[in-house]
């Protein structure tokens, strides 16, 4: 086959492909990463380790590991992975809450009260434009210095959106 024949076949094949609509590629640019190490106290102790990412297109990927009781020698940990996305309006509400509550300037190292009995930590990493980012640690019901209301609002907005997306979340929101 000559080079001209090959080029003609390639152009014809390419012309047929150009009318097809490609599926959108999910974003790989993170907006948020949350890592939570929590103990929920509800008819016994329930330990959970959560790690989830919210991407800039609204997709959430969450990882959950949990155990029912630390005193049970040999009791297994369970786990799961979930992915989902809230609606465009729900994602816009999250973005608005992050901006209104100045997520890029929060310092953390403070405490919020949870709506249910529990304790532990939330580590929040927010990825802004270019290389801008902020990372802060928030304690849950540990008796420390209370956070500014904006920190509780940020955590509640994140947990609400992750819940709406269908990915695993804690059961401690809303925060005060």
C-alpha atoms as a PDB file:
ATOM      1  CA  UNK A   1       0.000   0.000   0.000  1.00  0.00           C
ATOM      2  CA  UNK A   2       1.407   3.379  -0.944  1.00  0.00           C
ATOM      3  CA  UNK A   3       1.648   6.291   1.453  1.00  0.00           C
ATOM      4  CA  UNK A   4      -1.041   8.186  -0.524  1.00  0.00           C
ATOM      5  CA  UNK A   5      -3.515   5.274  -0.178  1.00  0.00           C
ATOM      6  CA  UNK A   6      -2.822   4.975   3.532  1.00  0.00           C
ATOM      7  CA  UNK A   7      -3.296   8.729   4.011  1.00  0.00           C
ATOM      8  CA  UNK A   8      -6.609   8.636   2.097  1.00  0.00           C
ATOM      9  CA  UNK A   9      -7.914   5.742   4.216  1.00  0.00           C
ATOM     10  CA  UNK A  10      -6.817   7.531   7.406  1.00  0.00           C
ATOM     11  CA  UNK A  11      -8.570  10.786   6.397  1.00  0.00           C
ATOM     12  CA  UNK A  12     -11.803   8.921   5.522  1.00  0.00           C
ATOM     13  CA  UNK A  13     -11.686   7.014   8.826  1.00  0.00           C
ATOM     14  CA  UNK A  14     -10.982  10.215  10.746  1.00  0.00           C
ATOM     15  CA  UNK A  15     -13.893  12.003   9.070  1.00  0.00           C
ATOM     16  CA  UNK A  16     -16.252   9.245  10.231  1.00  0.00           C
ATOM     17  CA  UNK A  17     -14.970   9.487  13.807  1.00  0.00           C
ATOM     18  CA  UNK A  18     -15.271  13.255  14.042  1.00  0.00           C
ATOM     19  CA  UNK A  19     -19.081  13.096  14.128  1.00  0.00           C
ATOM     20  CA  UNK A  20     -19.103  10.862  17.216  1.00  0.00           C
ATOM     21  CA  UNK A  21     -19.530  12.551  20.607  1.00  0.00           C
ATOM     22  CA  UNK A  22     -16.948  11.499  23.153  1.00  0.00           C
ATOM     23  CA  UNK A  23     -17.972  10.907  26.765  1.00  0.00           C
ATOM     24  CA  UNK A  24     -16.699  13.605  29.106  1.00  0.00           C
ATOM     25  CA  UNK A  25     -13.513  12.735  30.905  1.00  0.00           C
ATOM     26  CA  UNK A  26     -13.803  13.006  34.706  1.00  0.00           C
ATOM     27  CA  UNK A  27     -11.627  15.631  36.300  1.00  0.00           C
ATOM     28  CA  UNK A  28      -8.415  14.704  38.015  1.00  0.00           C
ATOM     29  CA  UNK A  29      -8.043  18.146  39.578  1.00  0.00           C
ATOM     30  CA  UNK A  30      -8.908  17.964  43.291  1.00  0.00           C
ATOM     31  CA  UNK A  31     -10.865  20.711  45.033  1.00  0.00           C
ATOM     32  CA  UNK A  32     -10.831  19.120  48.500  1.00  0.00           C
ATOM     33  CA  UNK A  33      -9.367  16.173  50.356  1.00  0.00           C
ATOM     34  CA  UNK A  34     -10.771  15.174  53.707  1.00  0.00           C
ATOM     35  CA  UNK A  35      -9.310  12.607  56.054  1.00  0.00           C
ATOM     36  CA  UNK A  36     -11.314  11.789  59.174  1.00  0.00           C
ATOM     37  CA  UNK A  37     -10.405   9.466  62.022  1.00  0.00           C
ATOM     38  CA  UNK A  38     -13.545   9.213  64.141  1.00  0.00           C
ATOM     39  CA  UNK A  39     -15.125   7.323  66.980  1.00  0.00           C
ATOM     40  CA  UNK A  40     -18.900   7.377  67.067  1.00  0.00           C
ATOM     41  CA  UNK A  41     -20.429   6.444  70.388  1.00  0.00           C
ATOM     42  CA  UNK A  42     -23.868   5.047  69.727  1.00  0.00           C
ATOM     43  CA  UNK A  43     -24.738   1.796  71.514  1.00  0.00           C
ATOM     44  CA  UNK A  44     -21.066   0.913  71.665  1.00  0.00           C
ATOM     45  CA  UNK A  45     -18.067   2.343  69.878  1.00  0.00           C
ATOM     46  CA  UNK A  46     -17.879   2.535  66.112  1.00  0.00           C
ATOM     47  CA  UNK A  47     -14.484   3.460  64.663  1.00  0.00           C
ATOM     48  CA  UNK A  48     -14.151   4.829  61.168  1.00  0.00           C
ATOM     49  CA  UNK A  49     -11.385   6.082  58.978  1.00  0.00           C
ATOM     50  CA  UNK A  50     -12.658   8.152  56.053  1.00  0.00           C
ATOM     51  CA  UNK A  51     -10.710   9.554  53.154  1.00  0.00           C
ATOM     52  CA  UNK A  52     -12.433  11.329  50.306  1.00  0.00           C
ATOM     53  CA  UNK A  53     -11.683  13.649  47.453  1.00  0.00           C
ATOM     54  CA  UNK A  54     -14.017  16.196  45.899  1.00  0.00           C
ATOM     55  CA  UNK A  55     -12.878  17.071  42.379  1.00  0.00           C
ATOM     56  CA  UNK A  56     -13.412  20.380  40.600  1.00  0.00           C
ATOM     57  CA  UNK A  57     -16.143  18.888  38.392  1.00  0.00           C
ATOM     58  CA  UNK A  58     -18.199  17.779  41.430  1.00  0.00           C
ATOM     59  CA  UNK A  59     -17.223  14.093  41.437  1.00  0.00           C
ATOM     60  CA  UNK A  60     -16.534  12.620  44.876  1.00  0.00           C
ATOM     61  CA  UNK A  61     -14.490   9.501  45.550  1.00  0.00           C
ATOM     62  CA  UNK A  62     -14.659   8.181  49.104  1.00  0.00           C
ATOM     63  CA  UNK A  63     -12.910   5.403  51.003  1.00  0.00           C
ATOM     64  CA  UNK A  64     -14.212   4.103  54.314  1.00  0.00           C
ATOM     65  CA  UNK A  65     -12.756   1.610  56.784  1.00  0.00           C
ATOM     66  CA  UNK A  66     -14.706   0.810  59.944  1.00  0.00           C
ATOM     67  CA  UNK A  67     -14.738  -1.450  62.967  1.00  0.00           C
ATOM     68  CA  UNK A  68     -17.396  -2.007  65.610  1.00  0.00           C
ATOM     69  CA  UNK A  69     -15.354  -2.453  68.782  1.00  0.00           C
ATOM     70  CA  UNK A  70     -11.659  -2.093  69.568  1.00  0.00           C
ATOM     71  CA  UNK A  71     -11.876  -4.466  72.538  1.00  0.00           C
ATOM     72  CA  UNK A  72     -12.794  -7.346  70.257  1.00  0.00           C
ATOM     73  CA  UNK A  73      -9.538  -9.131  69.540  1.00  0.00           C
ATOM     74  CA  UNK A  74      -9.506 -10.357  65.955  1.00  0.00           C
ATOM     75  CA  UNK A  75     -12.692  -8.577  64.929  1.00  0.00           C
ATOM     76  CA  UNK A  76     -12.383  -7.605  61.292  1.00  0.00           C
ATOM     77  CA  UNK A  77     -12.469  -4.134  59.821  1.00  0.00           C
ATOM     78  CA  UNK A  78     -14.966  -3.555  57.059  1.00  0.00           C
ATOM     79  CA  UNK A  79     -14.657  -1.081  54.276  1.00  0.00           C
ATOM     80  CA  UNK A  80     -15.912   0.303  51.060  1.00  0.00           C
ATOM     81  CA  UNK A  81     -15.235   2.645  48.202  1.00  0.00           C
ATOM     82  CA  UNK A  82     -17.868   4.903  46.723  1.00  0.00           C
ATOM     83  CA  UNK A  83     -18.021   7.436  43.943  1.00  0.00           C
ATOM     84  CA  UNK A  84     -20.737   9.838  42.956  1.00  0.00           C
ATOM     85  CA  UNK A  85     -21.674  13.388  42.203  1.00  0.00           C
ATOM     86  CA  UNK A  86     -24.297  15.779  43.502  1.00  0.00           C
ATOM     87  CA  UNK A  87     -26.362  17.979  41.238  1.00  0.00           C
ATOM     88  CA  UNK A  88     -24.925  21.147  39.696  1.00  0.00           C
ATOM     89  CA  UNK A  89     -26.944  23.200  42.212  1.00  0.00           C
ATOM     90  CA  UNK A  90     -25.629  21.165  45.154  1.00  0.00           C
ATOM     91  CA  UNK A  91     -22.045  21.554  43.926  1.00  0.00           C
ATOM     92  CA  UNK A  92     -22.565  25.291  43.471  1.00  0.00           C
ATOM     93  CA  UNK A  93     -23.874  25.469  47.066  1.00  0.00           C
ATOM     94  CA  UNK A  94     -20.670  23.753  48.266  1.00  0.00           C
ATOM     95  CA  UNK A  95     -18.478  26.181  46.308  1.00  0.00           C
ATOM     96  CA  UNK A  96     -20.455  29.129  47.669  1.00  0.00           C
ATOM     97  CA  UNK A  97     -20.100  27.847  51.246  1.00  0.00           C
ATOM     98  CA  UNK A  98     -16.343  27.382  50.788  1.00  0.00           C
ATOM     99  CA  UNK A  99     -15.964  30.933  49.489  1.00  0.00           C
ATOM    100  CA  UNK A 100     -18.322  32.572  51.988  1.00  0.00           C
ATOM    101  CA  UNK A 101     -16.568  30.842  54.878  1.00  0.00           C
ATOM    102  CA  UNK A 102     -13.055  31.603  53.540  1.00  0.00           C
ATOM    103  CA  UNK A 103     -11.796  28.015  53.419  1.00  0.00           C
ATOM    104  CA  UNK A 104      -8.445  29.229  52.087  1.00  0.00           C
ATOM    105  CA  UNK A 105      -7.723  31.184  55.290  1.00  0.00           C
ATOM    106  CA  UNK A 106      -8.915  28.825  58.038  1.00  0.00           C
ATOM    107  CA  UNK A 107      -6.297  27.805  60.585  1.00  0.00           C
ATOM    108  CA  UNK A 108      -7.928  24.843  62.280  1.00  0.00           C
ATOM    109  CA  UNK A 109      -6.359  23.331  65.385  1.00  0.00           C
ATOM    110  CA  UNK A 110      -9.655  23.932  67.132  1.00  0.00           C
ATOM    111  CA  UNK A 111     -12.791  22.033  68.110  1.00  0.00           C
ATOM    112  CA  UNK A 112     -16.307  21.704  66.707  1.00  0.00           C
ATOM    113  CA  UNK A 113     -19.287  20.056  68.345  1.00  0.00           C
ATOM    114  CA  UNK A 114     -21.005  17.285  66.414  1.00  0.00           C
ATOM    115  CA  UNK A 115     -24.732  16.685  66.130  1.00  0.00           C
ATOM    116  CA  UNK A 116     -24.229  13.093  67.358  1.00  0.00           C
ATOM    117  CA  UNK A 117     -21.989  11.769  70.102  1.00  0.00           C
ATOM    118  CA  UNK A 118     -18.540  11.199  68.706  1.00  0.00           C
ATOM    119  CA  UNK A 119     -14.967  12.390  68.724  1.00  0.00           C
ATOM    120  CA  UNK A 120     -11.938  12.443  66.493  1.00  0.00           C
ATOM    121  CA  UNK A 121     -10.372  14.638  63.830  1.00  0.00           C
ATOM    122  CA  UNK A 122     -11.064  16.000  60.362  1.00  0.00           C
ATOM    123  CA  UNK A 123      -8.097  17.036  58.277  1.00  0.00           C
ATOM    124  CA  UNK A 124      -9.184  19.296  55.416  1.00  0.00           C
ATOM    125  CA  UNK A 125      -7.000  20.133  52.437  1.00  0.00           C
ATOM    126  CA  UNK A 126      -8.387  22.724  50.033  1.00  0.00           C
ATOM    127  CA  UNK A 127      -6.746  23.154  46.627  1.00  0.00           C
ATOM    128  CA  UNK A 128      -7.141  26.660  45.217  1.00  0.00           C
ATOM    129  CA  UNK A 129      -6.050  28.122  41.907  1.00  0.00           C
ATOM    130  CA  UNK A 130      -2.533  27.422  40.656  1.00  0.00           C
ATOM    131  CA  UNK A 131      -0.411  26.334  43.623  1.00  0.00           C
ATOM    132  CA  UNK A 132      -2.564  27.903  46.341  1.00  0.00           C
ATOM    133  CA  UNK A 133      -3.822  25.510  49.008  1.00  0.00           C
ATOM    134  CA  UNK A 134      -4.736  25.350  52.667  1.00  0.00           C
ATOM    135  CA  UNK A 135      -4.595  22.485  55.117  1.00  0.00           C
ATOM    136  CA  UNK A 136      -6.087  22.474  58.603  1.00  0.00           C
ATOM    137  CA  UNK A 137      -7.002  19.987  61.325  1.00  0.00           C
ATOM    138  CA  UNK A 138     -10.262  20.181  63.265  1.00  0.00           C
ATOM    139  CA  UNK A 139     -10.996  18.193  66.425  1.00  0.00           C
ATOM    140  CA  UNK A 140     -14.482  16.891  67.190  1.00  0.00           C
ATOM    141  CA  UNK A 141     -15.777  17.115  70.781  1.00  0.00           C
ATOM    142  CA  UNK A 142     -12.397  16.933  72.501  1.00  0.00           C
ATOM    143  CA  UNK A 143     -12.841  19.842  74.916  1.00  0.00           C
ATOM    144  CA  UNK A 144     -10.446  22.226  73.189  1.00  0.00           C
ATOM    145  CA  UNK A 145     -10.795  25.785  71.958  1.00  0.00           C
ATOM    146  CA  UNK A 146     -13.885  26.215  69.806  1.00  0.00           C
ATOM    147  CA  UNK A 147     -13.436  26.947  66.111  1.00  0.00           C
ATOM    148  CA  UNK A 148     -14.793  30.008  64.401  1.00  0.00           C
ATOM    149  CA  UNK A 149     -18.313  29.385  63.039  1.00  0.00           C
ATOM    150  CA  UNK A 150     -16.875  29.435  59.509  1.00  0.00           C
ATOM    151  CA  UNK A 151     -14.904  26.229  60.177  1.00  0.00           C
ATOM    152  CA  UNK A 152     -18.048  24.388  61.314  1.00  0.00           C
ATOM    153  CA  UNK A 153     -19.863  25.755  58.246  1.00  0.00           C
ATOM    154  CA  UNK A 154     -17.103  24.488  55.926  1.00  0.00           C
ATOM    155  CA  UNK A 155     -17.184  20.998  57.476  1.00  0.00           C
ATOM    156  CA  UNK A 156     -20.986  20.847  57.335  1.00  0.00           C
ATOM    157  CA  UNK A 157     -21.043  21.983  53.692  1.00  0.00           C
ATOM    158  CA  UNK A 158     -18.448  19.371  52.715  1.00  0.00           C
ATOM    159  CA  UNK A 159     -20.187  16.538  54.588  1.00  0.00           C
ATOM    160  CA  UNK A 160     -23.561  17.584  53.127  1.00  0.00           C
ATOM    161  CA  UNK A 161     -22.263  17.549  49.560  1.00  0.00           C
ATOM    162  CA  UNK A 162     -20.418  14.237  49.981  1.00  0.00           C
ATOM    163  CA  UNK A 163     -23.623  12.715  51.412  1.00  0.00           C
ATOM    164  CA  UNK A 164     -25.628  14.089  48.455  1.00  0.00           C
ATOM    165  CA  UNK A 165     -23.122  12.523  46.054  1.00  0.00           C
ATOM    166  CA  UNK A 166     -23.637   9.065  47.523  1.00  0.00           C
ATOM    167  CA  UNK A 167     -20.035   8.604  48.693  1.00  0.00           C
ATOM    168  CA  UNK A 168     -19.359   7.440  52.279  1.00  0.00           C
ATOM    169  CA  UNK A 169     -19.442  10.160  54.969  1.00  0.00           C
ATOM    170  CA  UNK A 170     -19.447  10.351  58.725  1.00  0.00           C
ATOM    171  CA  UNK A 171     -22.728  10.539  60.604  1.00  0.00           C
ATOM    172  CA  UNK A 172     -21.623  13.477  62.757  1.00  0.00           C
ATOM    173  CA  UNK A 173     -22.714  16.493  60.633  1.00  0.00           C
ATOM    174  CA  UNK A 174     -23.982  19.137  61.045  1.00  0.00           C
ATOM    175  CA  UNK A 175     -21.266  20.711  63.137  1.00  0.00           C
ATOM    176  CA  UNK A 176     -21.486  23.630  65.529  1.00  0.00           C
END
